[in-house]
Amino acid sequence: MSKRNILAGALLAAVAALALSCGGNNNPSVPSDTLASDQSTLATFYDPNTHTTVTGIQDKASEHPVDLFRGSYDDSLLAALLPSGAARSAINVYLAQFDNGPTVLFDAGLGAEDGILSSGNIDPAKVTSVCLTHLHPDHIGGLLQEGKASFPNATIYLSKTELASTRQWESTSYVSTLWQQVLAAYPNRIVTFADSALLFDGRVQTIPAPGHTSGHTVFQIGSCLIAGDILHSQDLQLQHPEFCARYDQDPARAVTTRKQILEYVRNNNLQLCGAHCYDFFIKWD
């Protein structure tokens, strides 16, 4: 099994024609007003079959301590797999530009001071929609700046199941009132969808992926699967999906879902786009 980043170097000319593109000031084929500009923290995949450009953008580099996974499967194997005591990770968002269509952000990151909004990798005014995999703070923090909506023209999409279940477990340690602030900051701009819905004229398929949260959702855009928190460590969980992070609300269900989603990715020859993977696009040959 091999993993690789997909940088669409040969397709930059086509990407540059879109409102969203990957590149830098030293690349004359990329216009200066593109949404994404720092190649060290992003990568772009172009799907010619669906005429869609998907760009992975790192909100924050990070790592997870081995203790995050301890007790979920086989601790001796865990120690052997992560001898340094930590797993390389990240916080990523994904931006999709559909030819002659909307610009959609998938998750919004942590909202750190040095994150996606402050870096200039995203122009908030050009984002028309934000689709959320779930309502944990490291996926919705970027929706707010000083308590106000970060994306003035965006509609927020989230699972009906996720919203209902969040209201039930809002008192748990990892859940803050941030999601309530987000809903308040986007009045009349919240759209909830049912399981397995089609969005944006069928361009995006929602796929229920419960376990991490009850309403955790992944999104398929052509040959890309926006996988949210299916993985917290690509080095560990791609090979051993039985390991769970403590953040998983229902560990047993999370393991089942992780195996099903990974098998779906393999069988359909998809690019796996994980919110906590250090590779933006992962594919099995």
C-alpha atoms as a PDB file:
ATOM      1  CA  MET A   1       0.000   0.000   0.000  1.00  0.00           C
ATOM      2  CA  SER A   2       1.463   3.318  -0.991  1.00  0.00           C
ATOM      3  CA  LYS A   3       0.412   6.814  -0.058  1.00  0.00           C
ATOM      4  CA  ARG A   4       1.136   9.982  -1.941  1.00  0.00           C
ATOM      5  CA  ASN A   5       0.319  13.649  -2.073  1.00  0.00           C
ATOM      6  CA  ILE A   6      -1.354  14.665  -5.310  1.00  0.00           C
ATOM      7  CA  LEU A   7      -0.111  18.043  -6.531  1.00  0.00           C
ATOM      8  CA  ALA A   8      -1.716  18.884  -9.838  1.00  0.00           C
ATOM      9  CA  GLY A   9       1.365  20.468 -11.384  1.00  0.00           C
ATOM     10  CA  ALA A  10       0.509  19.503 -14.934  1.00  0.00           C
ATOM     11  CA  LEU A  11      -2.974  20.874 -14.465  1.00  0.00           C
ATOM     12  CA  LEU A  12      -2.073  24.290 -13.061  1.00  0.00           C
ATOM     13  CA  ALA A  13      -2.985  26.006 -16.282  1.00  0.00           C
ATOM     14  CA  ALA A  14      -6.491  24.603 -16.030  1.00  0.00           C
ATOM     15  CA  VAL A  15      -6.677  25.308 -12.308  1.00  0.00           C
ATOM     16  CA  ALA A  16      -5.591  28.914 -12.831  1.00  0.00           C
ATOM     17  CA  ALA A  17      -8.690  29.514 -14.911  1.00  0.00           C
ATOM     18  CA  LEU A  18     -10.829  28.826 -11.850  1.00  0.00           C
ATOM     19  CA  ALA A  19     -11.635  31.098  -8.939  1.00  0.00           C
ATOM     20  CA  LEU A  20      -9.797  28.594  -6.764  1.00  0.00           C
ATOM     21  CA  SER A  21      -6.240  27.555  -7.580  1.00  0.00           C
ATOM     22  CA  CYS A  22      -2.995  26.355  -6.105  1.00  0.00           C
ATOM     23  CA  GLY A  23       0.254  28.148  -6.693  1.00  0.00           C
ATOM     24  CA  GLY A  24       2.458  30.994  -5.561  1.00  0.00           C
ATOM     25  CA  ASN A  25       3.919  34.317  -6.575  1.00  0.00           C
ATOM     26  CA  ASN A  26       6.744  32.569  -8.396  1.00  0.00           C
ATOM     27  CA  ASN A  27       4.316  30.776 -10.718  1.00  0.00           C
ATOM     28  CA  PRO A  28       3.257  33.106 -13.542  1.00  0.00           C
ATOM     29  CA  SER A  29       0.384  30.803 -14.584  1.00  0.00           C
ATOM     30  CA  VAL A  30      -1.504  31.467 -11.337  1.00  0.00           C
ATOM     31  CA  PRO A  31      -3.329  34.801 -10.965  1.00  0.00           C
ATOM     32  CA  SER A  32      -2.490  36.932  -7.937  1.00  0.00           C
ATOM     33  CA  ASP A  33      -6.061  36.968  -6.600  1.00  0.00           C
ATOM     34  CA  THR A  34      -6.471  33.212  -6.183  1.00  0.00           C
ATOM     35  CA  LEU A  35      -7.938  31.797  -2.990  1.00  0.00           C
ATOM     36  CA  ALA A  36      -4.983  29.546  -2.200  1.00  0.00           C
ATOM     37  CA  SER A  37      -1.395  30.716  -2.495  1.00  0.00           C
ATOM     38  CA  ASP A  38       1.011  28.864  -0.163  1.00  0.00           C
ATOM     39  CA  GLN A  39       2.190  25.540  -1.554  1.00  0.00           C
ATOM     40  CA  SER A  40       3.919  24.595   1.708  1.00  0.00           C
ATOM     41  CA  THR A  41       0.549  24.238   3.439  1.00  0.00           C
ATOM     42  CA  LEU A  42      -1.727  23.083   0.622  1.00  0.00           C
ATOM     43  CA  ALA A  43      -2.146  20.703  -2.292  1.00  0.00           C
ATOM     44  CA  THR A  44      -4.615  20.602  -5.155  1.00  0.00           C
ATOM     45  CA  PHE A  45      -6.360  17.752  -6.962  1.00  0.00           C
ATOM     46  CA  TYR A  46      -8.299  18.298 -10.194  1.00  0.00           C
ATOM     47  CA  ASP A  47     -10.954  15.775 -11.191  1.00  0.00           C
ATOM     48  CA  PRO A  48     -11.455  16.026 -14.962  1.00  0.00           C
ATOM     49  CA  ASN A  49     -14.491  13.740 -14.873  1.00  0.00           C
ATOM     50  CA  THR A  50     -16.491  16.072 -12.637  1.00  0.00           C
ATOM     51  CA  HIS A  51     -14.619  19.261 -13.575  1.00  0.00           C
ATOM     52  CA  THR A  52     -13.912  20.011  -9.944  1.00  0.00           C
ATOM     53  CA  THR A  53     -10.825  21.371  -8.208  1.00  0.00           C
ATOM     54  CA  VAL A  54     -10.334  20.334  -4.581  1.00  0.00           C
ATOM     55  CA  THR A  55      -7.636  22.044  -2.541  1.00  0.00           C
ATOM     56  CA  GLY A  56      -6.492  20.797   0.853  1.00  0.00           C
ATOM     57  CA  ILE A  57      -5.364  23.623   3.128  1.00  0.00           C
ATOM     58  CA  GLN A  58      -3.595  23.130   6.434  1.00  0.00           C
ATOM     59  CA  ASP A  59      -5.086  25.173   9.236  1.00  0.00           C
ATOM     60  CA  LYS A  60      -2.529  23.951  11.747  1.00  0.00           C
ATOM     61  CA  ALA A  61       0.239  21.349  11.942  1.00  0.00           C
ATOM     62  CA  SER A  62      -0.010  19.147  15.008  1.00  0.00           C
ATOM     63  CA  GLU A  63       0.655  15.761  16.519  1.00  0.00           C
ATOM     64  CA  HIS A  64      -1.336  13.445  18.748  1.00  0.00           C
ATOM     65  CA  PRO A  65       0.261  11.842  21.825  1.00  0.00           C
ATOM     66  CA  VAL A  66       0.216   8.061  21.928  1.00  0.00           C
ATOM     67  CA  ASP A  67      -1.987   8.268  25.026  1.00  0.00           C
ATOM     68  CA  LEU A  68      -4.817   9.516  22.823  1.00  0.00           C
ATOM     69  CA  PHE A  69      -5.148   5.963  21.422  1.00  0.00           C
ATOM     70  CA  ARG A  70      -4.090   3.940  24.467  1.00  0.00           C
ATOM     71  CA  GLY A  71      -6.592   1.399  25.757  1.00  0.00           C
ATOM     72  CA  SER A  72      -8.594   1.246  22.551  1.00  0.00           C
ATOM     73  CA  TYR A  73      -7.027  -1.854  21.025  1.00  0.00           C
ATOM     74  CA  ASP A  74      -3.556  -3.331  21.655  1.00  0.00           C
ATOM     75  CA  ASP A  75      -1.272  -1.151  23.757  1.00  0.00           C
ATOM     76  CA  SER A  76       1.869  -3.183  23.072  1.00  0.00           C
ATOM     77  CA  LEU A  77       1.276  -2.904  19.331  1.00  0.00           C
ATOM     78  CA  LEU A  78       0.550   0.784  19.751  1.00  0.00           C
ATOM     79  CA  ALA A  79       3.901   1.326  21.474  1.00  0.00           C
ATOM     80  CA  ALA A  80       5.679  -0.522  18.662  1.00  0.00           C
ATOM     81  CA  LEU A  81       3.894   1.469  15.966  1.00  0.00           C
ATOM     82  CA  LEU A  82       4.460   4.838  17.630  1.00  0.00           C
ATOM     83  CA  PRO A  83       7.840   4.454  19.371  1.00  0.00           C
ATOM     84  CA  SER A  84       8.362   8.220  19.498  1.00  0.00           C
ATOM     85  CA  GLY A  85       5.288   8.572  21.694  1.00  0.00           C
ATOM     86  CA  ALA A  86       3.397  10.739  19.214  1.00  0.00           C
ATOM     87  CA  ALA A  87       1.612  10.516  15.871  1.00  0.00           C
ATOM     88  CA  ARG A  88       2.072  13.184  13.231  1.00  0.00           C
ATOM     89  CA  SER A  89      -1.200  14.938  12.499  1.00  0.00           C
ATOM     90  CA  ALA A  90      -2.723  18.194  11.258  1.00  0.00           C
ATOM     91  CA  ILE A  91      -5.920  20.200  11.098  1.00  0.00           C
ATOM     92  CA  ASN A  92      -7.031  20.524   7.480  1.00  0.00           C
ATOM     93  CA  VAL A  93      -9.899  22.048   5.565  1.00  0.00           C
ATOM     94  CA  TYR A  94     -10.808  21.400   1.936  1.00  0.00           C
ATOM     95  CA  LEU A  95     -11.998  23.912  -0.619  1.00  0.00           C
ATOM     96  CA  ALA A  96     -13.895  22.747  -3.713  1.00  0.00           C
ATOM     97  CA  GLN A  97     -14.413  24.847  -6.820  1.00  0.00           C
ATOM     98  CA  PHE A  98     -16.940  23.463  -9.277  1.00  0.00           C
ATOM     99  CA  ASP A  99     -16.571  24.634 -12.881  1.00  0.00           C
ATOM    100  CA  ASN A 100     -19.376  27.140 -13.416  1.00  0.00           C
ATOM    101  CA  GLY A 101     -20.549  26.433  -9.891  1.00  0.00           C
ATOM    102  CA  PRO A 102     -20.161  27.317  -6.224  1.00  0.00           C
ATOM    103  CA  THR A 103     -17.049  27.528  -4.082  1.00  0.00           C
ATOM    104  CA  VAL A 104     -17.553  25.217  -1.102  1.00  0.00           C
ATOM    105  CA  LEU A 105     -15.425  24.929   2.039  1.00  0.00           C
ATOM    106  CA  PHE A 106     -15.511  21.615   3.892  1.00  0.00           C
ATOM    107  CA  ASP A 107     -14.964  22.273   7.607  1.00  0.00           C
ATOM    108  CA  ALA A 108     -13.483  25.524   8.843  1.00  0.00           C
ATOM    109  CA  GLY A 109     -10.605  24.528  11.088  1.00  0.00           C
ATOM    110  CA  LEU A 110      -9.748  25.607  14.567  1.00  0.00           C
ATOM    111  CA  GLY A 111      -9.779  29.328  13.950  1.00  0.00           C
ATOM    112  CA  ALA A 112      -6.284  29.791  15.331  1.00  0.00           C
ATOM    113  CA  GLU A 113      -4.617  33.173  14.962  1.00  0.00           C
ATOM    114  CA  ASP A 114      -2.103  31.695  12.522  1.00  0.00           C
ATOM    115  CA  GLY A 115      -4.700  29.540  10.732  1.00  0.00           C
ATOM    116  CA  ILE A 116      -6.295  29.575   7.304  1.00  0.00           C
ATOM    117  CA  LEU A 117      -8.018  32.942   7.565  1.00  0.00           C
ATOM    118  CA  SER A 118      -4.991  34.916   8.726  1.00  0.00           C
ATOM    119  CA  SER A 119      -2.656  33.197   6.233  1.00  0.00           C
ATOM    120  CA  GLY A 120      -4.493  34.485   3.178  1.00  0.00           C
ATOM    121  CA  ASN A 121      -5.010  30.966   1.818  1.00  0.00           C
ATOM    122  CA  ILE A 122      -8.761  31.595   1.707  1.00  0.00           C
ATOM    123  CA  ASP A 123     -10.668  34.701   0.676  1.00  0.00           C
ATOM    124  CA  PRO A 124     -13.770  34.486   2.912  1.00  0.00           C
ATOM    125  CA  ALA A 125     -15.882  36.582   0.545  1.00  0.00           C
ATOM    126  CA  LYS A 126     -15.485  34.025  -2.255  1.00  0.00           C
ATOM    127  CA  VAL A 127     -16.764  31.093  -0.204  1.00  0.00           C
ATOM    128  CA  THR A 128     -20.439  30.514  -0.984  1.00  0.00           C
ATOM    129  CA  SER A 129     -21.051  27.463   1.226  1.00  0.00           C
ATOM    130  CA  VAL A 130     -19.458  25.665   4.177  1.00  0.00           C
ATOM    131  CA  CYS A 131     -20.206  21.955   4.713  1.00  0.00           C
ATOM    132  CA  LEU A 132     -19.453  20.600   8.187  1.00  0.00           C
ATOM    133  CA  THR A 133     -18.500  17.010   8.930  1.00  0.00           C
ATOM    134  CA  HIS A 134     -19.454  17.572  12.582  1.00  0.00           C
ATOM    135  CA  LEU A 135     -19.581  20.271  15.240  1.00  0.00           C
ATOM    136  CA  HIS A 136     -16.356  19.816  17.204  1.00  0.00           C
ATOM    137  CA  PRO A 137     -14.439  23.061  17.842  1.00  0.00           C
ATOM    138  CA  ASP A 138     -11.488  22.197  15.576  1.00  0.00           C
ATOM    139  CA  HIS A 139     -13.907  21.981  12.640  1.00  0.00           C
ATOM    140  CA  ILE A 140     -16.043  25.058  13.281  1.00  0.00           C
ATOM    141  CA  GLY A 141     -13.728  27.538  15.028  1.00  0.00           C
ATOM    142  CA  GLY A 142     -12.814  29.223  11.755  1.00  0.00           C
ATOM    143  CA  LEU A 143     -16.445  30.130  11.139  1.00  0.00           C
ATOM    144  CA  LEU A 144     -16.123  32.952  13.648  1.00  0.00           C
ATOM    145  CA  GLN A 145     -13.880  35.970  14.052  1.00  0.00           C
ATOM    146  CA  GLU A 146     -14.420  37.990  17.200  1.00  0.00           C
ATOM    147  CA  GLY A 147     -17.825  36.383  17.550  1.00  0.00           C
ATOM    148  CA  LYS A 148     -18.979  37.329  14.063  1.00  0.00           C
ATOM    149  CA  ALA A 149     -19.371  35.316  10.869  1.00  0.00           C
ATOM    150  CA  SER A 150     -16.038  34.839   9.092  1.00  0.00           C
ATOM    151  CA  PHE A 151     -17.689  34.075   5.750  1.00  0.00           C
ATOM    152  CA  PRO A 152     -20.093  36.899   4.889  1.00  0.00           C
ATOM    153  CA  ASN A 153     -21.636  35.212   1.841  1.00  0.00           C
ATOM    154  CA  ALA A 154     -21.681  31.578   2.959  1.00  0.00           C
ATOM    155  CA  THR A 155     -24.518  29.239   3.846  1.00  0.00           C
ATOM    156  CA  ILE A 156     -23.668  26.564   6.443  1.00  0.00           C
ATOM    157  CA  TYR A 157     -24.642  22.940   5.754  1.00  0.00           C
ATOM    158  CA  LEU A 158     -24.739  20.277   8.479  1.00  0.00           C
ATOM    159  CA  SER A 159     -26.412  16.986   9.241  1.00  0.00           C
ATOM    160  CA  LYS A 160     -29.778  17.020  10.986  1.00  0.00           C
ATOM    161  CA  THR A 161     -28.572  14.087  13.076  1.00  0.00           C
ATOM    162  CA  GLU A 162     -25.413  15.953  14.088  1.00  0.00           C
ATOM    163  CA  LEU A 163     -27.314  19.019  15.211  1.00  0.00           C
ATOM    164  CA  ALA A 164     -29.833  16.982  17.200  1.00  0.00           C
ATOM    165  CA  SER A 165     -27.183  14.812  18.861  1.00  0.00           C
ATOM    166  CA  THR A 166     -24.951  17.785  19.688  1.00  0.00           C
ATOM    167  CA  ARG A 167     -27.764  19.263  21.743  1.00  0.00           C
ATOM    168  CA  GLN A 168     -27.823  16.017  23.730  1.00  0.00           C
ATOM    169  CA  TRP A 169     -24.095  15.770  24.500  1.00  0.00           C
ATOM    170  CA  GLU A 170     -23.243  19.446  24.755  1.00  0.00           C
ATOM    171  CA  SER A 171     -22.238  19.049  28.403  1.00  0.00           C
ATOM    172  CA  THR A 172     -19.382  16.616  27.645  1.00  0.00           C
ATOM    173  CA  SER A 173     -15.829  17.796  28.157  1.00  0.00           C
ATOM    174  CA  TYR A 174     -14.876  18.254  24.505  1.00  0.00           C
ATOM    175  CA  VAL A 175     -18.045  20.061  23.439  1.00  0.00           C
ATOM    176  CA  SER A 176     -18.231  23.781  24.039  1.00  0.00           C
ATOM    177  CA  THR A 177     -20.920  26.342  23.354  1.00  0.00           C
ATOM    178  CA  LEU A 178     -19.026  27.302  20.200  1.00  0.00           C
ATOM    179  CA  TRP A 179     -21.558  25.559  17.970  1.00  0.00           C
ATOM    180  CA  GLN A 180     -24.319  27.691  19.478  1.00  0.00           C
ATOM    181  CA  GLN A 181     -22.328  30.827  18.724  1.00  0.00           C
ATOM    182  CA  VAL A 182     -21.873  29.654  15.133  1.00  0.00           C
ATOM    183  CA  LEU A 183     -25.602  29.124  14.657  1.00  0.00           C
ATOM    184  CA  ALA A 184     -26.289  32.560  16.077  1.00  0.00           C
ATOM    185  CA  ALA A 185     -23.709  34.224  13.818  1.00  0.00           C
ATOM    186  CA  TYR A 186     -25.273  32.779  10.642  1.00  0.00           C
ATOM    187  CA  PRO A 187     -28.996  33.549  11.086  1.00  0.00           C
ATOM    188  CA  ASN A 188     -31.170  32.221   8.260  1.00  0.00           C
ATOM    189  CA  ARG A 189     -28.034  30.728   6.688  1.00  0.00           C
ATOM    190  CA  ILE A 190     -28.088  27.263   8.265  1.00  0.00           C
ATOM    191  CA  VAL A 191     -29.254  24.369   6.089  1.00  0.00           C
ATOM    192  CA  THR A 192     -29.611  20.905   7.613  1.00  0.00           C
ATOM    193  CA  PHE A 193     -29.632  17.793   5.439  1.00  0.00           C
ATOM    194  CA  ALA A 194     -30.887  14.243   5.912  1.00  0.00           C
ATOM    195  CA  ASP A 195     -28.669  11.168   5.712  1.00  0.00           C
ATOM    196  CA  SER A 196     -27.352  10.340   2.225  1.00  0.00           C
ATOM    197  CA  ALA A 197     -28.477  13.642   0.736  1.00  0.00           C
ATOM    198  CA  LEU A 198     -27.324  15.118  -2.557  1.00  0.00           C
ATOM    199  CA  LEU A 199     -26.153  18.730  -2.405  1.00  0.00           C
ATOM    200  CA  PHE A 200     -25.373  21.354  -5.028  1.00  0.00           C
ATOM    201  CA  ASP A 201     -27.385  19.828  -7.856  1.00  0.00           C
ATOM    202  CA  GLY A 202     -26.024  16.363  -7.113  1.00  0.00           C
ATOM    203  CA  ARG A 203     -22.367  17.362  -7.195  1.00  0.00           C
ATOM    204  CA  VAL A 204     -21.822  16.390  -3.537  1.00  0.00           C
ATOM    205  CA  GLN A 205     -23.023  13.165  -1.907  1.00  0.00           C
ATOM    206  CA  THR A 206     -23.346  13.100   1.876  1.00  0.00           C
ATOM    207  CA  ILE A 207     -22.522   9.770   3.534  1.00  0.00           C
ATOM    208  CA  PRO A 208     -23.370   9.079   7.196  1.00  0.00           C
ATOM    209  CA  ALA A 209     -20.254   8.056   9.129  1.00  0.00           C
ATOM    210  CA  PRO A 210     -21.318   7.738  12.777  1.00  0.00           C
ATOM    211  CA  GLY A 211     -19.061   6.837  15.652  1.00  0.00           C
ATOM    212  CA  HIS A 212     -16.851   9.845  16.110  1.00  0.00           C
ATOM    213  CA  THR A 213     -20.108  11.679  16.688  1.00  0.00           C
ATOM    214  CA  SER A 214     -23.629  10.422  16.050  1.00  0.00           C
ATOM    215  CA  GLY A 215     -24.088  12.688  13.049  1.00  0.00           C
ATOM    216  CA  HIS A 216     -20.533  12.637  11.716  1.00  0.00           C
ATOM    217  CA  THR A 217     -20.748  12.924   7.923  1.00  0.00           C
ATOM    218  CA  VAL A 218     -18.294  12.450   5.068  1.00  0.00           C
ATOM    219  CA  PHE A 219     -18.733  14.014   1.641  1.00  0.00           C
ATOM    220  CA  GLN A 220     -17.962  12.597  -1.776  1.00  0.00           C
ATOM    221  CA  ILE A 221     -17.046  14.993  -4.573  1.00  0.00           C
ATOM    222  CA  GLY A 222     -16.292  12.981  -7.687  1.00  0.00           C
ATOM    223  CA  SER A 223     -13.191  10.952  -6.852  1.00  0.00           C
ATOM    224  CA  CYS A 224     -12.499  12.770  -3.556  1.00  0.00           C
ATOM    225  CA  LEU A 225     -13.888  11.729  -0.195  1.00  0.00           C
ATOM    226  CA  ILE A 226     -13.822  14.465   2.446  1.00  0.00           C
ATOM    227  CA  ALA A 227     -13.382  12.143   5.417  1.00  0.00           C
ATOM    228  CA  GLY A 228     -13.539  14.414   8.479  1.00  0.00           C
ATOM    229  CA  ASP A 229     -12.407  12.543  11.588  1.00  0.00           C
ATOM    230  CA  ILE A 230     -12.484   9.020  10.185  1.00  0.00           C
ATOM    231  CA  LEU A 231      -8.741   9.141  10.940  1.00  0.00           C
ATOM    232  CA  HIS A 232      -6.822  10.935  13.670  1.00  0.00           C
ATOM    233  CA  SER A 233      -3.527   9.311  12.673  1.00  0.00           C
ATOM    234  CA  GLN A 234      -3.010   8.129   9.113  1.00  0.00           C
ATOM    235  CA  ASP A 235       0.172   6.229  10.042  1.00  0.00           C
ATOM    236  CA  LEU A 236      -1.630   4.266  12.730  1.00  0.00           C
ATOM    237  CA  GLN A 237      -5.245   3.867  11.661  1.00  0.00           C
ATOM    238  CA  LEU A 238      -4.887   3.199   7.942  1.00  0.00           C
ATOM    239  CA  GLN A 239      -3.108  -0.038   8.766  1.00  0.00           C
ATOM    240  CA  HIS A 240      -4.881  -0.688  12.077  1.00  0.00           C
ATOM    241  CA  PRO A 241      -8.395   0.820  12.012  1.00  0.00           C
ATOM    242  CA  GLU A 242      -9.202  -0.883  15.322  1.00  0.00           C
ATOM    243  CA  PHE A 243      -7.382   1.897  17.182  1.00  0.00           C
ATOM    244  CA  CYS A 244      -9.638   4.732  18.315  1.00  0.00           C
ATOM    245  CA  ALA A 245      -8.902   8.197  19.577  1.00  0.00           C
ATOM    246  CA  ARG A 246     -10.486   9.140  22.886  1.00  0.00           C
ATOM    247  CA  TYR A 247     -12.456  11.791  20.984  1.00  0.00           C
ATOM    248  CA  ASP A 248     -14.602   9.086  19.375  1.00  0.00           C
ATOM    249  CA  GLN A 249     -17.989   9.234  21.063  1.00  0.00           C
ATOM    250  CA  ASP A 250     -18.857   5.601  20.279  1.00  0.00           C
ATOM    251  CA  PRO A 251     -15.567   3.695  19.776  1.00  0.00           C
ATOM    252  CA  ALA A 252     -17.077   0.407  18.609  1.00  0.00           C
ATOM    253  CA  ARG A 253     -19.218   2.152  16.036  1.00  0.00           C
ATOM    254  CA  ALA A 254     -16.283   4.338  15.009  1.00  0.00           C
ATOM    255  CA  VAL A 255     -14.190   1.243  14.243  1.00  0.00           C
ATOM    256  CA  THR A 256     -16.965  -0.278  12.141  1.00  0.00           C
ATOM    257  CA  THR A 257     -17.484   2.973  10.266  1.00  0.00           C
ATOM    258  CA  ARG A 258     -13.757   3.483   9.721  1.00  0.00           C
ATOM    259  CA  LYS A 259     -13.403   0.018   8.179  1.00  0.00           C
ATOM    260  CA  GLN A 260     -16.438   0.571   5.962  1.00  0.00           C
ATOM    261  CA  ILE A 261     -15.265   3.970   4.751  1.00  0.00           C
ATOM    262  CA  LEU A 262     -11.715   2.782   4.053  1.00  0.00           C
ATOM    263  CA  GLU A 263     -13.075  -0.175   2.101  1.00  0.00           C
ATOM    264  CA  TYR A 264     -15.355   2.168   0.166  1.00  0.00           C
ATOM    265  CA  VAL A 265     -12.385   4.370  -0.688  1.00  0.00           C
ATOM    266  CA  ARG A 266     -10.377   1.392  -1.914  1.00  0.00           C
ATOM    267  CA  ASN A 267     -13.184  -0.176  -3.922  1.00  0.00           C
ATOM    268  CA  ASN A 268     -14.062   3.094  -5.648  1.00  0.00           C
ATOM    269  CA  ASN A 269     -10.497   4.272  -6.284  1.00  0.00           C
ATOM    270  CA  LEU A 270     -11.023   7.487  -4.339  1.00  0.00           C
ATOM    271  CA  GLN A 271      -8.727  10.094  -2.858  1.00  0.00           C
ATOM    272  CA  LEU A 272      -9.068  10.093   0.948  1.00  0.00           C
ATOM    273  CA  CYS A 273      -9.062  13.654   2.283  1.00  0.00           C
ATOM    274  CA  GLY A 274      -8.698  13.571   6.058  1.00  0.00           C
ATOM    275  CA  ALA A 275      -9.093  16.479   8.442  1.00  0.00           C
ATOM    276  CA  HIS A 276      -6.193  15.178  10.564  1.00  0.00           C
ATOM    277  CA  CYS A 277      -3.948  13.613   7.934  1.00  0.00           C
ATOM    278  CA  TYR A 278      -0.591  15.172   7.081  1.00  0.00           C
ATOM    279  CA  ASP A 279      -1.081  14.002   3.486  1.00  0.00           C
ATOM    280  CA  PHE A 280      -3.927  15.973   1.947  1.00  0.00           C
ATOM    281  CA  PHE A 281      -4.821  13.293  -0.622  1.00  0.00           C
ATOM    282  CA  ILE A 282      -4.275   9.598   0.103  1.00  0.00           C
ATOM    283  CA  LYS A 283      -4.864   6.855  -2.440  1.00  0.00           C
ATOM    284  CA  TRP A 284      -4.216   3.118  -2.622  1.00  0.00           C
ATOM    285  CA  ASP A 285      -2.733   1.944  -5.919  1.00  0.00           C
END
